[in-house]
Amino acid sequence: MFTGIIQGIVPIIKIEEKKHFRTHYICLPKPLLGDVAVGASMAHNGCCLTVTSVVNDLLSFDIIKETLNLTNLGELIVGDEINLERAPTLQTEIGGHLMSGHIICTAVITKIVDSENNRQIWFRLSKLDIMKFILYKGYIGIDGISLTVGEVVGNQFCAHLIPETLIRTTLGKKRIGDYVNIEIDSQIQAIVQTVERILADREDI
C-alpha cells in the first residue's frame, strides 16, 4: 500500500530492454535509502514495483509486459524523472489516501490553465469506461500523487494543483499531450460496481 505522498523525484539512470520486458535503474536518495532490500516495494509514477537488486544506492526494478501496456513506464527514457514513494510503515502518516500501486489505465493531458499560485490540469482517460469511477471531489491517484477530482465534464476531469505539488512532483513539468498513470479510488469502484450488479440482477427478475 501507498499514501500518494511523493517522497522524491528521481531520474532513471539506466534502462535494459528485452522483448516485452525492461529493467529500470535509479539511484535512491540517501534520506530514502534506509533499510531498503531486494523484495521491497516502491511506487514509480504510482506503479508498485519490486526492488530486484541493491548495490549501495543503485536499485533496479523489472517491468513486465502487462505493466508496460497499462502504464507510462514503457515510454520513459534515460534521464526522465519519476515520482517515487516507498511503501509506508505502521508509523507513516497517511497524508494522502490509501493507494494500492495498481494502475488501471493512463490519461492524456488535454489542457493546462495557470492562474496566480494555482494550476488546473485537465485529463482524458485512455479507457472511457473508467469515467464512471471518477467523481467530483473523489480521490484519484495521478502518477502516484494523491489528488482530489476538481471537475468532471463529459469524458474529461481536472485536478487543481498548489505550488507545493508542482515543485515536489513531476506534474509541474508536464505538458499538453503527456500521459500520466491513473489509479482510481477502490472504494468508489466497489460501490459503483456493486450498484451496477444489483441493478442488473433486478432487470433479470
N, C-alpha and C. Protein backbone atom coordinates (compact mmCIF):
# COMPACT_ATOMS: atom_id res chain seq x y z
N MET A 1 0.84 -1.20 0.00
CA MET A 1 0.00 0.00 0.00
C MET A 1 0.88 1.25 0.00
N PHE A 2 0.30 2.34 -0.49
CA PHE A 2 0.99 3.62 -0.54
C PHE A 2 0.04 4.72 -0.11
N THR A 3 0.57 5.94 0.05
CA THR A 3 -0.25 7.05 0.55
C THR A 3 -0.49 8.12 -0.50
N GLY A 4 0.26 8.09 -1.61
CA GLY A 4 0.11 9.13 -2.61
C GLY A 4 0.86 10.40 -2.28
N ILE A 5 1.70 10.36 -1.25
CA ILE A 5 2.55 11.50 -0.91
C ILE A 5 3.94 11.22 -1.46
N ILE A 6 4.33 11.95 -2.49
CA ILE A 6 5.59 11.70 -3.18
C ILE A 6 6.77 12.08 -2.28
N GLN A 7 7.75 11.18 -2.20
CA GLN A 7 8.91 11.40 -1.33
C GLN A 7 10.12 11.93 -2.09
N GLY A 8 10.09 11.83 -3.39
CA GLY A 8 11.21 12.34 -4.16
C GLY A 8 10.98 12.22 -5.66
N ILE A 9 11.65 13.07 -6.42
CA ILE A 9 11.67 12.98 -7.87
C ILE A 9 13.04 12.43 -8.24
N VAL A 10 13.06 11.29 -8.91
CA VAL A 10 14.32 10.58 -9.16
C VAL A 10 14.46 10.30 -10.66
N PRO A 11 15.63 10.58 -11.26
CA PRO A 11 15.83 10.27 -12.68
C PRO A 11 16.17 8.81 -12.90
N ILE A 12 15.76 8.28 -14.04
CA ILE A 12 16.18 6.94 -14.45
C ILE A 12 17.57 7.06 -15.04
N ILE A 13 18.52 6.28 -14.51
CA ILE A 13 19.91 6.43 -14.96
C ILE A 13 20.33 5.35 -15.96
N LYS A 14 19.53 4.28 -16.06
CA LYS A 14 19.87 3.22 -17.00
C LYS A 14 18.62 2.39 -17.29
N ILE A 15 18.49 1.91 -18.52
CA ILE A 15 17.37 1.05 -18.92
C ILE A 15 17.93 -0.13 -19.71
N GLU A 16 17.55 -1.33 -19.32
CA GLU A 16 17.89 -2.53 -20.09
C GLU A 16 16.62 -3.05 -20.75
N GLU A 17 16.64 -3.14 -22.08
CA GLU A 17 15.47 -3.54 -22.84
C GLU A 17 15.56 -5.00 -23.26
N LYS A 18 14.44 -5.72 -23.12
CA LYS A 18 14.27 -7.05 -23.66
C LYS A 18 12.88 -7.11 -24.29
N LYS A 19 12.53 -8.19 -24.94
CA LYS A 19 11.23 -8.29 -25.58
C LYS A 19 10.12 -8.31 -24.52
N HIS A 20 9.23 -7.32 -24.59
CA HIS A 20 8.11 -7.19 -23.66
C HIS A 20 8.59 -7.15 -22.20
N PHE A 21 9.75 -6.56 -21.98
CA PHE A 21 10.33 -6.55 -20.63
C PHE A 21 11.42 -5.48 -20.59
N ARG A 22 11.51 -4.79 -19.48
CA ARG A 22 12.62 -3.85 -19.32
C ARG A 22 12.98 -3.72 -17.84
N THR A 23 14.20 -3.29 -17.58
CA THR A 23 14.68 -3.07 -16.22
C THR A 23 15.11 -1.62 -16.09
N HIS A 24 14.59 -0.95 -15.08
CA HIS A 24 14.95 0.43 -14.78
C HIS A 24 15.94 0.46 -13.62
N TYR A 25 16.88 1.39 -13.71
CA TYR A 25 17.84 1.60 -12.63
C TYR A 25 17.74 3.05 -12.14
N ILE A 26 17.73 3.20 -10.83
CA ILE A 26 17.73 4.53 -10.23
C ILE A 26 18.73 4.57 -9.09
N CYS A 27 19.18 5.77 -8.74
CA CYS A 27 19.98 5.97 -7.53
C CYS A 27 19.04 6.55 -6.48
N LEU A 28 18.84 5.80 -5.41
CA LEU A 28 17.89 6.23 -4.39
C LEU A 28 18.54 7.28 -3.49
N PRO A 29 17.89 8.42 -3.28
CA PRO A 29 18.44 9.45 -2.39
C PRO A 29 18.68 8.89 -0.99
N LYS A 30 19.74 9.35 -0.35
CA LYS A 30 20.11 8.83 0.97
C LYS A 30 18.98 8.89 2.00
N PRO A 31 18.18 9.97 2.04
CA PRO A 31 17.10 10.00 3.03
C PRO A 31 16.09 8.87 2.86
N LEU A 32 16.00 8.30 1.65
CA LEU A 32 15.04 7.23 1.39
C LEU A 32 15.67 5.85 1.43
N LEU A 33 17.01 5.79 1.49
CA LEU A 33 17.71 4.52 1.37
C LEU A 33 17.41 3.59 2.54
N GLY A 34 17.63 4.09 3.75
CA GLY A 34 17.29 3.34 4.96
C GLY A 34 17.66 1.88 4.90
N ASP A 35 16.69 1.01 5.17
CA ASP A 35 16.91 -0.44 5.21
C ASP A 35 16.40 -1.11 3.94
N VAL A 36 16.42 -0.41 2.82
CA VAL A 36 15.88 -0.98 1.58
C VAL A 36 16.62 -2.26 1.22
N ALA A 37 15.86 -3.25 0.75
CA ALA A 37 16.43 -4.56 0.41
C ALA A 37 15.69 -5.13 -0.79
N VAL A 38 16.30 -6.14 -1.40
CA VAL A 38 15.64 -6.83 -2.51
C VAL A 38 14.29 -7.36 -2.04
N GLY A 39 13.26 -7.14 -2.85
CA GLY A 39 11.91 -7.56 -2.49
C GLY A 39 11.04 -6.43 -1.97
N ALA A 40 11.66 -5.29 -1.65
CA ALA A 40 10.88 -4.15 -1.15
C ALA A 40 10.03 -3.58 -2.28
N SER A 41 8.93 -2.95 -1.90
CA SER A 41 8.02 -2.34 -2.88
C SER A 41 8.19 -0.82 -2.90
N MET A 42 8.21 -0.26 -4.10
CA MET A 42 8.26 1.18 -4.28
C MET A 42 7.34 1.56 -5.43
N ALA A 43 6.73 2.71 -5.33
CA ALA A 43 5.85 3.19 -6.38
C ALA A 43 6.62 4.13 -7.30
N HIS A 44 6.62 3.78 -8.61
CA HIS A 44 7.22 4.62 -9.65
C HIS A 44 6.08 5.21 -10.46
N ASN A 45 5.89 6.50 -10.38
CA ASN A 45 4.74 7.14 -11.04
C ASN A 45 3.45 6.43 -10.63
N GLY A 46 3.40 6.00 -9.38
CA GLY A 46 2.19 5.37 -8.85
C GLY A 46 2.11 3.88 -9.07
N CYS A 47 3.03 3.31 -9.83
CA CYS A 47 3.00 1.88 -10.14
C CYS A 47 3.89 1.12 -9.16
N CYS A 48 3.33 0.15 -8.46
CA CYS A 48 4.08 -0.63 -7.49
C CYS A 48 5.07 -1.55 -8.20
N LEU A 49 6.36 -1.35 -7.92
CA LEU A 49 7.42 -2.19 -8.47
C LEU A 49 8.23 -2.80 -7.34
N THR A 50 8.90 -3.91 -7.64
CA THR A 50 9.69 -4.63 -6.65
C THR A 50 11.17 -4.40 -6.90
N VAL A 51 11.89 -4.11 -5.83
CA VAL A 51 13.34 -3.96 -5.93
C VAL A 51 13.95 -5.32 -6.28
N THR A 52 14.73 -5.38 -7.37
CA THR A 52 15.33 -6.65 -7.80
C THR A 52 16.82 -6.73 -7.51
N SER A 53 17.46 -5.59 -7.26
CA SER A 53 18.86 -5.61 -6.85
C SER A 53 19.19 -4.31 -6.13
N VAL A 54 20.14 -4.40 -5.19
CA VAL A 54 20.60 -3.23 -4.44
C VAL A 54 22.11 -3.27 -4.39
N VAL A 55 22.77 -2.27 -4.97
CA VAL A 55 24.22 -2.12 -4.88
C VAL A 55 24.50 -0.71 -4.39
N ASN A 56 24.79 -0.58 -3.10
CA ASN A 56 24.91 0.73 -2.47
C ASN A 56 23.59 1.48 -2.64
N ASP A 57 23.60 2.60 -3.38
CA ASP A 57 22.35 3.35 -3.59
C ASP A 57 21.73 3.07 -4.95
N LEU A 58 22.32 2.13 -5.72
CA LEU A 58 21.81 1.80 -7.04
C LEU A 58 20.79 0.67 -6.95
N LEU A 59 19.57 0.93 -7.39
CA LEU A 59 18.49 -0.05 -7.31
C LEU A 59 17.98 -0.37 -8.71
N SER A 60 17.54 -1.61 -8.90
CA SER A 60 16.93 -1.99 -10.18
C SER A 60 15.51 -2.49 -9.94
N PHE A 61 14.68 -2.36 -11.00
CA PHE A 61 13.28 -2.76 -10.95
C PHE A 61 12.91 -3.37 -12.29
N ASP A 62 12.33 -4.56 -12.29
CA ASP A 62 11.89 -5.21 -13.52
C ASP A 62 10.45 -4.83 -13.83
N ILE A 63 10.16 -4.62 -15.13
CA ILE A 63 8.83 -4.21 -15.57
C ILE A 63 8.37 -5.17 -16.66
N ILE A 64 7.28 -5.86 -16.41
CA ILE A 64 6.79 -6.89 -17.33
C ILE A 64 5.81 -6.30 -18.34
N LYS A 65 5.41 -7.14 -19.29
CA LYS A 65 4.57 -6.72 -20.41
C LYS A 65 3.27 -6.05 -19.95
N GLU A 66 2.57 -6.65 -18.99
CA GLU A 66 1.30 -6.10 -18.52
C GLU A 66 1.47 -4.68 -18.00
N THR A 67 2.53 -4.45 -17.24
CA THR A 67 2.79 -3.12 -16.70
C THR A 67 3.16 -2.14 -17.80
N LEU A 68 3.94 -2.59 -18.75
CA LEU A 68 4.32 -1.73 -19.88
C LEU A 68 3.10 -1.32 -20.69
N ASN A 69 2.13 -2.23 -20.82
CA ASN A 69 0.92 -1.94 -21.60
C ASN A 69 -0.02 -0.98 -20.88
N LEU A 70 -0.07 -1.07 -19.55
CA LEU A 70 -1.06 -0.30 -18.79
C LEU A 70 -0.56 1.05 -18.29
N THR A 71 0.75 1.26 -18.26
CA THR A 71 1.30 2.46 -17.63
C THR A 71 2.16 3.26 -18.62
N ASN A 72 2.66 4.39 -18.13
CA ASN A 72 3.55 5.21 -18.95
C ASN A 72 5.02 4.85 -18.75
N LEU A 73 5.31 3.80 -17.98
CA LEU A 73 6.70 3.46 -17.68
C LEU A 73 7.46 3.00 -18.92
N GLY A 74 6.76 2.37 -19.87
CA GLY A 74 7.43 1.90 -21.07
C GLY A 74 7.84 3.01 -22.01
N GLU A 75 7.31 4.22 -21.81
CA GLU A 75 7.64 5.36 -22.66
C GLU A 75 8.82 6.16 -22.13
N LEU A 76 9.25 5.85 -20.92
CA LEU A 76 10.32 6.62 -20.30
C LEU A 76 11.67 6.29 -20.91
N ILE A 77 12.55 7.29 -20.93
CA ILE A 77 13.91 7.10 -21.42
C ILE A 77 14.89 7.53 -20.32
N VAL A 78 16.15 7.18 -20.51
CA VAL A 78 17.17 7.56 -19.54
C VAL A 78 17.17 9.09 -19.37
N GLY A 79 17.16 9.52 -18.11
CA GLY A 79 17.11 10.94 -17.81
C GLY A 79 15.73 11.42 -17.41
N ASP A 80 14.69 10.70 -17.82
CA ASP A 80 13.33 11.06 -17.40
C ASP A 80 13.20 10.86 -15.89
N GLU A 81 12.39 11.71 -15.29
CA GLU A 81 12.20 11.64 -13.84
C GLU A 81 10.88 10.95 -13.50
N ILE A 82 10.89 10.27 -12.36
CA ILE A 82 9.69 9.60 -11.87
C ILE A 82 9.34 10.11 -10.48
N ASN A 83 8.06 10.04 -10.15
CA ASN A 83 7.62 10.28 -8.78
C ASN A 83 7.85 9.00 -7.99
N LEU A 84 8.53 9.11 -6.86
CA LEU A 84 8.90 7.93 -6.08
C LEU A 84 8.28 7.98 -4.69
N GLU A 85 7.75 6.82 -4.27
CA GLU A 85 7.27 6.66 -2.89
C GLU A 85 7.61 5.27 -2.41
N ARG A 86 8.24 5.18 -1.25
CA ARG A 86 8.47 3.88 -0.63
C ARG A 86 7.19 3.43 0.07
N ALA A 87 7.01 2.12 0.19
CA ALA A 87 5.84 1.60 0.89
C ALA A 87 5.88 2.09 2.33
N PRO A 88 4.75 2.54 2.86
CA PRO A 88 4.74 3.09 4.23
C PRO A 88 4.85 2.00 5.28
N THR A 89 5.25 2.41 6.47
CA THR A 89 5.26 1.53 7.63
C THR A 89 4.05 1.87 8.50
N LEU A 90 3.89 1.14 9.60
CA LEU A 90 2.78 1.41 10.51
C LEU A 90 2.90 2.78 11.16
N GLN A 91 4.11 3.33 11.15
CA GLN A 91 4.33 4.64 11.77
C GLN A 91 4.17 5.80 10.78
N THR A 92 3.94 5.48 9.50
CA THR A 92 3.85 6.52 8.48
C THR A 92 2.53 7.28 8.59
N GLU A 93 2.63 8.60 8.50
CA GLU A 93 1.42 9.43 8.47
C GLU A 93 0.73 9.27 7.11
N ILE A 94 -0.57 8.99 7.12
CA ILE A 94 -1.33 8.88 5.87
C ILE A 94 -1.82 10.27 5.50
N GLY A 95 -0.98 11.00 4.77
CA GLY A 95 -1.33 12.38 4.43
C GLY A 95 -2.20 12.48 3.18
N GLY A 96 -2.17 11.44 2.35
CA GLY A 96 -2.99 11.46 1.14
C GLY A 96 -4.17 10.55 1.31
N HIS A 97 -4.24 9.46 0.51
CA HIS A 97 -5.25 8.43 0.72
C HIS A 97 -4.61 7.09 0.38
N LEU A 98 -5.15 6.02 0.92
CA LEU A 98 -4.55 4.71 0.70
C LEU A 98 -4.63 4.33 -0.78
N MET A 99 -3.49 3.93 -1.32
CA MET A 99 -3.40 3.55 -2.72
C MET A 99 -2.70 2.21 -2.82
N SER A 100 -3.06 1.42 -3.83
CA SER A 100 -2.52 0.07 -3.97
C SER A 100 -1.28 0.01 -4.85
N GLY A 101 -1.09 1.02 -5.69
CA GLY A 101 0.00 0.97 -6.66
C GLY A 101 -0.36 0.19 -7.90
N HIS A 102 -1.66 -0.12 -8.07
CA HIS A 102 -2.14 -0.86 -9.24
C HIS A 102 -2.78 0.13 -10.22
N ILE A 103 -2.10 0.39 -11.30
CA ILE A 103 -2.56 1.36 -12.30
C ILE A 103 -3.64 0.71 -13.17
N ILE A 104 -4.75 1.43 -13.38
CA ILE A 104 -5.85 0.88 -14.16
C ILE A 104 -5.78 1.31 -15.63
N CYS A 105 -5.18 2.49 -15.89
CA CYS A 105 -5.02 2.97 -17.25
C CYS A 105 -4.19 4.25 -17.22
N THR A 106 -3.98 4.84 -18.38
CA THR A 106 -3.32 6.13 -18.46
C THR A 106 -4.33 7.20 -18.87
N ALA A 107 -3.92 8.45 -18.75
CA ALA A 107 -4.73 9.58 -19.21
C ALA A 107 -3.80 10.57 -19.88
N VAL A 108 -4.32 11.27 -20.89
CA VAL A 108 -3.53 12.27 -21.58
C VAL A 108 -3.93 13.65 -21.08
N ILE A 109 -2.97 14.53 -20.93
CA ILE A 109 -3.25 15.90 -20.52
C ILE A 109 -3.78 16.68 -21.71
N THR A 110 -4.97 17.24 -21.57
CA THR A 110 -5.61 17.94 -22.68
C THR A 110 -5.60 19.46 -22.54
N LYS A 111 -5.46 19.95 -21.32
CA LYS A 111 -5.48 21.41 -21.12
C LYS A 111 -4.80 21.75 -19.80
N ILE A 112 -4.07 22.84 -19.78
CA ILE A 112 -3.43 23.34 -18.57
C ILE A 112 -3.81 24.81 -18.42
N VAL A 113 -4.39 25.15 -17.28
CA VAL A 113 -4.82 26.52 -17.02
C VAL A 113 -4.07 27.05 -15.80
N ASP A 114 -3.25 28.07 -16.01
CA ASP A 114 -2.47 28.67 -14.92
C ASP A 114 -3.13 29.95 -14.45
N SER A 115 -3.18 30.10 -13.14
CA SER A 115 -3.60 31.36 -12.53
C SER A 115 -2.65 31.62 -11.37
N GLU A 116 -2.81 32.73 -10.71
CA GLU A 116 -1.87 33.09 -9.65
C GLU A 116 -1.83 32.03 -8.55
N ASN A 117 -0.65 31.39 -8.38
CA ASN A 117 -0.41 30.38 -7.33
C ASN A 117 -1.25 29.12 -7.49
N ASN A 118 -1.79 28.90 -8.67
CA ASN A 118 -2.61 27.71 -8.90
C ASN A 118 -2.39 27.20 -10.32
N ARG A 119 -2.65 25.89 -10.50
CA ARG A 119 -2.65 25.32 -11.84
C ARG A 119 -3.76 24.28 -11.92
N GLN A 120 -4.53 24.35 -12.98
CA GLN A 120 -5.59 23.39 -13.24
C GLN A 120 -5.18 22.55 -14.45
N ILE A 121 -5.16 21.22 -14.28
CA ILE A 121 -4.79 20.33 -15.37
C ILE A 121 -5.96 19.42 -15.70
N TRP A 122 -6.29 19.35 -17.00
CA TRP A 122 -7.38 18.51 -17.47
C TRP A 122 -6.84 17.24 -18.10
N PHE A 123 -7.54 16.13 -17.86
CA PHE A 123 -7.11 14.81 -18.32
C PHE A 123 -8.25 14.10 -19.06
N ARG A 124 -7.87 13.28 -20.06
CA ARG A 124 -8.80 12.40 -20.74
C ARG A 124 -8.27 10.97 -20.65
N LEU A 125 -9.11 10.07 -20.14
CA LEU A 125 -8.68 8.69 -19.91
C LEU A 125 -8.52 7.92 -21.21
N SER A 126 -7.59 6.96 -21.21
CA SER A 126 -7.41 6.08 -22.37
C SER A 126 -8.51 5.02 -22.42
N LYS A 127 -9.15 4.75 -21.29
CA LYS A 127 -10.29 3.82 -21.23
C LYS A 127 -11.50 4.59 -20.73
N LEU A 128 -12.41 4.94 -21.64
CA LEU A 128 -13.51 5.82 -21.29
C LEU A 128 -14.50 5.17 -20.32
N ASP A 129 -14.55 3.82 -20.29
CA ASP A 129 -15.48 3.18 -19.36
C ASP A 129 -15.05 3.36 -17.91
N ILE A 130 -13.85 3.87 -17.68
CA ILE A 130 -13.37 4.12 -16.32
C ILE A 130 -13.94 5.44 -15.77
N MET A 131 -14.49 6.28 -16.65
CA MET A 131 -15.00 7.59 -16.20
C MET A 131 -16.07 7.46 -15.14
N LYS A 132 -16.80 6.34 -15.11
CA LYS A 132 -17.86 6.18 -14.11
C LYS A 132 -17.31 6.12 -12.69
N PHE A 133 -16.00 5.89 -12.55
CA PHE A 133 -15.37 5.84 -11.24
C PHE A 133 -14.74 7.17 -10.84
N ILE A 134 -14.80 8.16 -11.74
CA ILE A 134 -14.21 9.48 -11.47
C ILE A 134 -15.33 10.42 -11.02
N LEU A 135 -15.36 10.73 -9.75
CA LEU A 135 -16.44 11.54 -9.19
C LEU A 135 -15.91 12.87 -8.64
N TYR A 136 -16.73 13.88 -8.78
CA TYR A 136 -16.39 15.20 -8.24
C TYR A 136 -16.06 15.10 -6.75
N LYS A 137 -14.90 15.64 -6.39
CA LYS A 137 -14.36 15.64 -5.02
C LYS A 137 -13.93 14.25 -4.54
N GLY A 138 -13.91 13.29 -5.45
CA GLY A 138 -13.41 11.97 -5.08
C GLY A 138 -11.89 11.94 -5.16
N TYR A 139 -11.30 10.92 -4.54
CA TYR A 139 -9.85 10.74 -4.60
C TYR A 139 -9.44 10.11 -5.92
N ILE A 140 -8.23 10.44 -6.37
CA ILE A 140 -7.67 9.80 -7.54
C ILE A 140 -6.15 9.83 -7.42
N GLY A 141 -5.48 8.82 -7.95
CA GLY A 141 -4.03 8.80 -8.00
C GLY A 141 -3.57 9.13 -9.41
N ILE A 142 -2.76 10.19 -9.54
CA ILE A 142 -2.24 10.62 -10.84
C ILE A 142 -0.72 10.57 -10.79
N ASP A 143 -0.12 9.65 -11.53
CA ASP A 143 1.33 9.42 -11.46
C ASP A 143 1.81 9.26 -10.01
N GLY A 144 0.97 8.57 -9.22
CA GLY A 144 1.33 8.28 -7.84
C GLY A 144 1.00 9.36 -6.85
N ILE A 145 0.41 10.45 -7.31
CA ILE A 145 0.10 11.59 -6.43
C ILE A 145 -1.35 11.51 -5.99
N SER A 146 -1.58 11.59 -4.71
CA SER A 146 -2.95 11.62 -4.18
C SER A 146 -3.56 12.99 -4.43
N LEU A 147 -4.61 13.02 -5.25
CA LEU A 147 -5.26 14.28 -5.59
C LEU A 147 -6.77 14.15 -5.47
N THR A 148 -7.43 15.30 -5.45
CA THR A 148 -8.89 15.36 -5.42
C THR A 148 -9.39 15.79 -6.79
N VAL A 149 -10.42 15.11 -7.28
CA VAL A 149 -11.01 15.47 -8.57
C VAL A 149 -11.69 16.83 -8.44
N GLY A 150 -11.28 17.77 -9.31
CA GLY A 150 -11.83 19.12 -9.23
C GLY A 150 -13.15 19.26 -9.96
N GLU A 151 -13.18 18.83 -11.21
CA GLU A 151 -14.40 18.90 -12.01
C GLU A 151 -14.44 17.68 -12.93
N VAL A 152 -15.67 17.31 -13.32
CA VAL A 152 -15.86 16.24 -14.30
C VAL A 152 -16.80 16.77 -15.37
N VAL A 153 -16.32 16.79 -16.63
CA VAL A 153 -17.12 17.30 -17.75
C VAL A 153 -17.00 16.31 -18.90
N GLY A 154 -18.10 15.62 -19.21
CA GLY A 154 -18.09 14.64 -20.29
C GLY A 154 -17.10 13.53 -20.02
N ASN A 155 -16.14 13.38 -20.92
CA ASN A 155 -15.14 12.31 -20.76
C ASN A 155 -13.81 12.82 -20.23
N GLN A 156 -13.86 13.99 -19.58
CA GLN A 156 -12.63 14.56 -19.02
C GLN A 156 -12.85 15.00 -17.58
N PHE A 157 -11.74 15.12 -16.86
CA PHE A 157 -11.78 15.63 -15.48
C PHE A 157 -10.54 16.46 -15.23
N CYS A 158 -10.55 17.23 -14.15
CA CYS A 158 -9.39 18.06 -13.84
C CYS A 158 -9.00 17.92 -12.38
N ALA A 159 -7.79 18.38 -12.10
CA ALA A 159 -7.28 18.46 -10.73
C ALA A 159 -6.68 19.85 -10.55
N HIS A 160 -6.83 20.40 -9.35
CA HIS A 160 -6.28 21.71 -9.02
C HIS A 160 -5.01 21.50 -8.19
N LEU A 161 -3.92 22.11 -8.63
CA LEU A 161 -2.62 21.86 -8.00
C LEU A 161 -2.08 23.13 -7.34
N ILE A 162 -1.60 22.96 -6.10
CA ILE A 162 -0.97 24.07 -5.39
C ILE A 162 0.52 24.11 -5.74
N PRO A 163 1.21 25.23 -5.51
CA PRO A 163 2.63 25.34 -5.83
C PRO A 163 3.48 24.22 -5.23
N GLU A 164 3.18 23.77 -4.02
CA GLU A 164 3.97 22.72 -3.37
C GLU A 164 3.93 21.43 -4.17
N THR A 165 2.75 21.08 -4.69
CA THR A 165 2.62 19.86 -5.51
C THR A 165 3.40 20.00 -6.81
N LEU A 166 3.37 21.18 -7.40
CA LEU A 166 4.09 21.41 -8.66
C LEU A 166 5.60 21.31 -8.45
N ILE A 167 6.09 21.71 -7.29
CA ILE A 167 7.52 21.68 -7.00
C ILE A 167 7.99 20.28 -6.64
N ARG A 168 7.18 19.54 -5.87
CA ARG A 168 7.61 18.26 -5.29
C ARG A 168 7.28 17.05 -6.16
N THR A 169 6.61 17.27 -7.30
CA THR A 169 6.25 16.16 -8.17
C THR A 169 6.57 16.52 -9.62
N THR A 170 6.45 15.52 -10.49
CA THR A 170 6.72 15.76 -11.91
C THR A 170 5.59 16.48 -12.62
N LEU A 171 4.43 16.63 -11.98
CA LEU A 171 3.31 17.32 -12.63
C LEU A 171 3.65 18.77 -12.97
N GLY A 172 4.60 19.34 -12.24
CA GLY A 172 5.00 20.72 -12.52
C GLY A 172 5.68 20.88 -13.87
N LYS A 173 6.17 19.76 -14.43
CA LYS A 173 6.88 19.81 -15.71
C LYS A 173 6.07 19.21 -16.86
N LYS A 174 4.87 18.73 -16.56
CA LYS A 174 4.06 18.09 -17.59
C LYS A 174 3.51 19.13 -18.58
N ARG A 175 3.31 18.64 -19.81
CA ARG A 175 2.78 19.49 -20.86
C ARG A 175 1.58 18.82 -21.52
N ILE A 176 0.83 19.58 -22.29
CA ILE A 176 -0.31 19.02 -23.03
C ILE A 176 0.19 17.91 -23.95
N GLY A 177 -0.51 16.78 -23.93
CA GLY A 177 -0.11 15.64 -24.73
C GLY A 177 0.66 14.59 -23.96
N ASP A 178 1.15 14.94 -22.77
CA ASP A 178 1.86 13.96 -21.93
C ASP A 178 0.85 12.99 -21.32
N TYR A 179 1.32 11.76 -21.05
CA TYR A 179 0.48 10.74 -20.44
C TYR A 179 0.86 10.52 -18.99
N VAL A 180 -0.14 10.29 -18.16
CA VAL A 180 0.06 10.01 -16.73
C VAL A 180 -0.65 8.72 -16.36
N ASN A 181 -0.18 8.09 -15.29
CA ASN A 181 -0.79 6.87 -14.79
C ASN A 181 -1.97 7.20 -13.88
N ILE A 182 -3.02 6.40 -13.97
CA ILE A 182 -4.23 6.64 -13.19
C ILE A 182 -4.55 5.44 -12.30
N GLU A 183 -4.73 5.72 -11.01
CA GLU A 183 -5.29 4.74 -10.08
C GLU A 183 -6.57 5.31 -9.50
N ILE A 184 -7.67 4.61 -9.67
CA ILE A 184 -8.94 5.09 -9.15
C ILE A 184 -9.11 4.70 -7.70
N ASP A 185 -10.04 5.36 -7.02
CA ASP A 185 -10.34 5.07 -5.63
C ASP A 185 -11.05 3.72 -5.55
N SER A 186 -10.46 2.77 -4.86
CA SER A 186 -11.02 1.41 -4.81
C SER A 186 -12.37 1.38 -4.12
N GLN A 187 -12.61 2.29 -3.18
CA GLN A 187 -13.91 2.32 -2.50
C GLN A 187 -15.01 2.77 -3.47
N ILE A 188 -14.72 3.81 -4.26
CA ILE A 188 -15.69 4.27 -5.25
C ILE A 188 -15.94 3.16 -6.27
N GLN A 189 -14.88 2.50 -6.71
CA GLN A 189 -15.02 1.41 -7.67
C GLN A 189 -15.93 0.31 -7.12
N ALA A 190 -15.73 -0.06 -5.87
CA ALA A 190 -16.52 -1.13 -5.25
C ALA A 190 -18.00 -0.72 -5.16
N ILE A 191 -18.26 0.52 -4.79
CA ILE A 191 -19.64 1.00 -4.66
C ILE A 191 -20.33 1.01 -6.02
N VAL A 192 -19.66 1.58 -7.03
CA VAL A 192 -20.26 1.66 -8.37
C VAL A 192 -20.53 0.28 -8.94
N GLN A 193 -19.58 -0.62 -8.80
CA GLN A 193 -19.77 -1.97 -9.36
C GLN A 193 -20.83 -2.74 -8.60
N THR A 194 -20.95 -2.51 -7.30
CA THR A 194 -22.00 -3.17 -6.52
C THR A 194 -23.38 -2.70 -6.95
N VAL A 195 -23.53 -1.38 -7.13
CA VAL A 195 -24.81 -0.83 -7.58
C VAL A 195 -25.15 -1.36 -8.97
N GLU A 196 -24.17 -1.41 -9.86
CA GLU A 196 -24.41 -1.93 -11.21
C GLU A 196 -24.88 -3.39 -11.16
N ARG A 197 -24.26 -4.17 -10.30
CA ARG A 197 -24.61 -5.58 -10.19
C ARG A 197 -26.03 -5.76 -9.64
N ILE A 198 -26.39 -4.95 -8.65
CA ILE A 198 -27.73 -5.03 -8.07
C ILE A 198 -28.78 -4.65 -9.11
N LEU A 199 -28.53 -3.57 -9.85
CA LEU A 199 -29.47 -3.13 -10.87
C LEU A 199 -29.61 -4.16 -11.99
N ALA A 200 -28.49 -4.79 -12.34
CA ALA A 200 -28.53 -5.84 -13.38
C ALA A 200 -29.34 -7.04 -12.90
N ASP A 201 -29.19 -7.40 -11.62
CA ASP A 201 -29.94 -8.54 -11.07
C ASP A 201 -31.44 -8.25 -11.07
N ARG A 202 -31.80 -7.00 -10.77
CA ARG A 202 -33.23 -6.64 -10.74
C ARG A 202 -33.83 -6.72 -12.14
N GLU A 203 -33.05 -6.34 -13.15
CA GLU A 203 -33.55 -6.40 -14.52
C GLU A 203 -33.78 -7.83 -14.99
N ASP A 204 -33.05 -8.77 -14.37
CA ASP A 204 -33.18 -10.18 -14.76
C ASP A 204 -34.37 -10.87 -14.08
N ILE A 205 -34.91 -10.18 -13.07
CA ILE A 205 -36.05 -10.80 -12.32
C ILE A 205 -37.33 -10.74 -13.15
